[in-house]
Amino acid sequence: MKNPLTLCYGLLILLTITAAILSNSVTLSGLLISLIMGISFIKFYLVAFNFMELKKANLTWKISLLFVVGITILPIILISF
């Protein structure tokens, strides 16, 4: 696996399987929901910066995208507790 995109793809598959296993848990606690949202954020970050080539974009785009994702995920995490 010399290609970084192949490594990223494998990590995305692993994170997806992990989130699916966690979501099938009998009890969904606030901590579990926060963990699933954290995994979703990592997956979004990997897709945006590796496959959409956002790492070559202007700093303003990077910050604004992470800000929008942050204000989307943070309320869900806060409500779950």
N, C-alpha and C. Protein backbone atom coordinates (compact mmCIF):
# COMPACT_ATOMS: atom_id res chain seq x y z
N MET A 1 0.83 -1.19 0.00
CA MET A 1 0.00 0.00 0.00
C MET A 1 0.88 1.24 0.00
N LYS A 2 1.53 1.47 -1.09
CA LYS A 2 2.40 2.64 -1.19
C LYS A 2 1.61 3.90 -1.53
N ASN A 3 0.49 3.74 -2.16
CA ASN A 3 -0.32 4.89 -2.55
C ASN A 3 -1.06 5.43 -1.33
N PRO A 4 -0.90 6.73 -1.02
CA PRO A 4 -1.58 7.29 0.16
C PRO A 4 -3.10 7.26 0.04
N LEU A 5 -3.63 7.32 -1.19
CA LEU A 5 -5.07 7.26 -1.35
C LEU A 5 -5.61 5.88 -1.02
N THR A 6 -4.83 4.84 -1.31
CA THR A 6 -5.23 3.49 -0.97
C THR A 6 -5.26 3.32 0.55
N LEU A 7 -4.28 3.87 1.22
CA LEU A 7 -4.24 3.83 2.68
C LEU A 7 -5.43 4.59 3.27
N CYS A 8 -5.72 5.74 2.71
CA CYS A 8 -6.86 6.55 3.18
C CYS A 8 -8.16 5.80 2.93
N TYR A 9 -8.28 5.15 1.79
CA TYR A 9 -9.49 4.40 1.48
C TYR A 9 -9.67 3.24 2.45
N GLY A 10 -8.60 2.54 2.77
CA GLY A 10 -8.68 1.46 3.74
C GLY A 10 -9.08 1.96 5.11
N LEU A 11 -8.55 3.12 5.51
CA LEU A 11 -8.92 3.71 6.80
C LEU A 11 -10.39 4.13 6.82
N LEU A 12 -10.88 4.64 5.70
CA LEU A 12 -12.29 5.02 5.61
C LEU A 12 -13.20 3.80 5.75
N ILE A 13 -12.82 2.70 5.13
CA ILE A 13 -13.60 1.48 5.26
C ILE A 13 -13.59 0.99 6.70
N LEU A 14 -12.43 1.04 7.34
CA LEU A 14 -12.32 0.61 8.74
C LEU A 14 -13.17 1.49 9.66
N LEU A 15 -13.14 2.80 9.45
CA LEU A 15 -13.94 3.72 10.26
C LEU A 15 -15.44 3.52 10.03
N THR A 16 -15.82 3.22 8.80
CA THR A 16 -17.22 2.98 8.49
C THR A 16 -17.72 1.72 9.17
N ILE A 17 -16.93 0.67 9.13
CA ILE A 17 -17.31 -0.57 9.81
C ILE A 17 -17.39 -0.35 11.31
N THR A 18 -16.45 0.39 11.87
CA THR A 18 -16.46 0.68 13.30
C THR A 18 -17.71 1.46 13.70
N ALA A 19 -18.07 2.48 12.92
CA ALA A 19 -19.27 3.26 13.22
C ALA A 19 -20.53 2.41 13.09
N ALA A 20 -20.56 1.50 12.13
CA ALA A 20 -21.73 0.64 11.96
C ALA A 20 -21.87 -0.32 13.14
N ILE A 21 -20.76 -0.86 13.59
CA ILE A 21 -20.81 -1.76 14.75
C ILE A 21 -21.23 -1.00 16.00
N LEU A 22 -20.71 0.20 16.19
CA LEU A 22 -21.08 1.00 17.37
C LEU A 22 -22.55 1.41 17.33
N SER A 23 -23.06 1.70 16.15
CA SER A 23 -24.45 2.15 16.07
C SER A 23 -25.44 1.02 16.31
N ASN A 24 -25.01 -0.22 16.15
CA ASN A 24 -25.89 -1.36 16.41
C ASN A 24 -25.86 -1.79 17.87
N SER A 25 -25.27 -0.98 18.71
CA SER A 25 -25.23 -1.28 20.13
C SER A 25 -26.63 -1.24 20.72
N VAL A 26 -26.84 -2.01 21.78
CA VAL A 26 -28.17 -2.08 22.40
C VAL A 26 -28.53 -0.73 23.03
N THR A 27 -27.61 -0.12 23.72
CA THR A 27 -27.87 1.17 24.36
C THR A 27 -27.03 2.24 23.68
N LEU A 28 -27.67 3.31 23.28
CA LEU A 28 -26.97 4.43 22.68
C LEU A 28 -26.84 5.53 23.72
N SER A 29 -25.70 5.59 24.37
CA SER A 29 -25.46 6.62 25.37
C SER A 29 -24.93 7.88 24.70
N GLY A 30 -24.84 8.93 25.47
CA GLY A 30 -24.31 10.18 24.95
C GLY A 30 -22.87 10.05 24.51
N LEU A 31 -22.10 9.26 25.25
CA LEU A 31 -20.70 9.04 24.89
C LEU A 31 -20.58 8.29 23.57
N LEU A 32 -21.44 7.32 23.36
CA LEU A 32 -21.41 6.55 22.13
C LEU A 32 -21.80 7.41 20.92
N ILE A 33 -22.79 8.27 21.12
CA ILE A 33 -23.19 9.18 20.04
C ILE A 33 -22.06 10.15 19.71
N SER A 34 -21.38 10.64 20.73
CA SER A 34 -20.25 11.54 20.52
C SER A 34 -19.11 10.83 19.79
N LEU A 35 -18.89 9.58 20.12
CA LEU A 35 -17.85 8.80 19.45
C LEU A 35 -18.19 8.58 17.98
N ILE A 36 -19.44 8.28 17.69
CA ILE A 36 -19.85 8.09 16.30
C ILE A 36 -19.73 9.40 15.52
N MET A 37 -20.09 10.51 16.15
CA MET A 37 -19.95 11.82 15.48
C MET A 37 -18.48 12.17 15.26
N GLY A 38 -17.63 11.79 16.21
CA GLY A 38 -16.20 12.01 16.04
C GLY A 38 -15.64 11.20 14.88
N ILE A 39 -16.09 9.96 14.76
CA ILE A 39 -15.67 9.13 13.63
C ILE A 39 -16.16 9.73 12.32
N SER A 40 -17.37 10.26 12.33
CA SER A 40 -17.91 10.90 11.13
C SER A 40 -17.10 12.13 10.74
N PHE A 41 -16.66 12.89 11.74
CA PHE A 41 -15.83 14.06 11.46
C PHE A 41 -14.49 13.65 10.86
N ILE A 42 -13.89 12.61 11.38
CA ILE A 42 -12.62 12.12 10.84
C ILE A 42 -12.80 11.65 9.40
N LYS A 43 -13.89 10.95 9.14
CA LYS A 43 -14.16 10.49 7.78
C LYS A 43 -14.36 11.67 6.83
N PHE A 44 -15.11 12.68 7.28
CA PHE A 44 -15.31 13.87 6.45
C PHE A 44 -13.99 14.56 6.16
N TYR A 45 -13.16 14.68 7.18
CA TYR A 45 -11.86 15.33 7.03
C TYR A 45 -11.00 14.57 6.01
N LEU A 46 -10.97 13.25 6.11
CA LEU A 46 -10.17 12.45 5.19
C LEU A 46 -10.66 12.59 3.75
N VAL A 47 -11.97 12.54 3.57
CA VAL A 47 -12.51 12.67 2.21
C VAL A 47 -12.25 14.06 1.64
N ALA A 48 -12.49 15.08 2.45
CA ALA A 48 -12.33 16.45 1.96
C ALA A 48 -10.89 16.78 1.61
N PHE A 49 -9.97 16.37 2.46
CA PHE A 49 -8.59 16.78 2.24
C PHE A 49 -7.82 15.84 1.32
N ASN A 50 -8.22 14.59 1.20
CA ASN A 50 -7.48 13.67 0.35
C ASN A 50 -8.12 13.47 -1.01
N PHE A 51 -9.41 13.23 -1.06
CA PHE A 51 -10.06 12.94 -2.33
C PHE A 51 -10.55 14.18 -3.05
N MET A 52 -10.95 15.21 -2.31
CA MET A 52 -11.39 16.45 -2.93
C MET A 52 -10.22 17.43 -3.09
N GLU A 53 -9.05 17.01 -2.65
CA GLU A 53 -7.81 17.79 -2.75
C GLU A 53 -7.95 19.18 -2.13
N LEU A 54 -8.59 19.24 -0.99
CA LEU A 54 -8.74 20.51 -0.30
C LEU A 54 -7.43 20.97 0.32
N LYS A 55 -6.48 20.05 0.48
CA LYS A 55 -5.20 20.44 1.08
C LYS A 55 -4.42 21.38 0.17
N LYS A 56 -4.81 21.45 -1.11
CA LYS A 56 -4.17 22.39 -2.03
C LYS A 56 -4.93 23.70 -2.14
N ALA A 57 -6.06 23.79 -1.46
CA ALA A 57 -6.91 24.98 -1.57
C ALA A 57 -6.39 26.10 -0.68
N ASN A 58 -7.01 27.25 -0.83
CA ASN A 58 -6.68 28.42 -0.04
C ASN A 58 -7.04 28.16 1.43
N LEU A 59 -6.29 28.78 2.34
CA LEU A 59 -6.50 28.60 3.76
C LEU A 59 -7.91 29.01 4.19
N THR A 60 -8.49 30.00 3.54
CA THR A 60 -9.84 30.45 3.87
C THR A 60 -10.86 29.34 3.65
N TRP A 61 -10.72 28.60 2.56
CA TRP A 61 -11.64 27.49 2.29
C TRP A 61 -11.50 26.38 3.32
N LYS A 62 -10.28 26.11 3.71
CA LYS A 62 -10.05 25.06 4.71
C LYS A 62 -10.69 25.42 6.04
N ILE A 63 -10.46 26.63 6.48
CA ILE A 63 -11.00 27.07 7.77
C ILE A 63 -12.51 27.15 7.72
N SER A 64 -13.07 27.69 6.64
CA SER A 64 -14.52 27.82 6.56
C SER A 64 -15.21 26.46 6.50
N LEU A 65 -14.63 25.51 5.81
CA LEU A 65 -15.22 24.18 5.74
C LEU A 65 -15.20 23.49 7.10
N LEU A 66 -14.07 23.56 7.79
CA LEU A 66 -13.99 22.96 9.12
C LEU A 66 -14.89 23.68 10.12
N PHE A 67 -15.07 24.98 9.96
CA PHE A 67 -15.97 25.74 10.83
C PHE A 67 -17.42 25.30 10.64
N VAL A 68 -17.84 25.15 9.38
CA VAL A 68 -19.21 24.74 9.10
C VAL A 68 -19.47 23.33 9.62
N VAL A 69 -18.52 22.44 9.43
CA VAL A 69 -18.67 21.08 9.94
C VAL A 69 -18.70 21.10 11.46
N GLY A 70 -17.87 21.93 12.07
CA GLY A 70 -17.85 22.03 13.52
C GLY A 70 -19.16 22.52 14.10
N ILE A 71 -19.76 23.55 13.48
CA ILE A 71 -21.03 24.05 14.01
C ILE A 71 -22.18 23.12 13.67
N THR A 72 -21.97 22.18 12.78
CA THR A 72 -22.98 21.17 12.49
C THR A 72 -22.90 20.02 13.48
N ILE A 73 -21.70 19.59 13.81
CA ILE A 73 -21.52 18.42 14.67
C ILE A 73 -21.60 18.78 16.15
N LEU A 74 -21.09 19.93 16.54
CA LEU A 74 -21.05 20.30 17.95
C LEU A 74 -22.42 20.34 18.63
N PRO A 75 -23.45 20.91 18.03
CA PRO A 75 -24.77 20.87 18.70
C PRO A 75 -25.31 19.46 18.90
N ILE A 76 -25.04 18.58 17.96
CA ILE A 76 -25.51 17.19 18.10
C ILE A 76 -24.82 16.53 19.28
N ILE A 77 -23.52 16.79 19.42
CA ILE A 77 -22.80 16.21 20.54
C ILE A 77 -23.30 16.80 21.87
N LEU A 78 -23.55 18.10 21.89
CA LEU A 78 -24.01 18.73 23.13
C LEU A 78 -25.42 18.30 23.51
N ILE A 79 -26.28 18.06 22.53
CA ILE A 79 -27.64 17.62 22.81
C ILE A 79 -27.66 16.19 23.33
N SER A 80 -26.71 15.39 22.88
CA SER A 80 -26.71 13.97 23.25
C SER A 80 -26.38 13.76 24.73
N PHE A 81 -25.78 14.75 25.38
CA PHE A 81 -25.47 14.60 26.80
C PHE A 81 -26.58 15.14 27.58
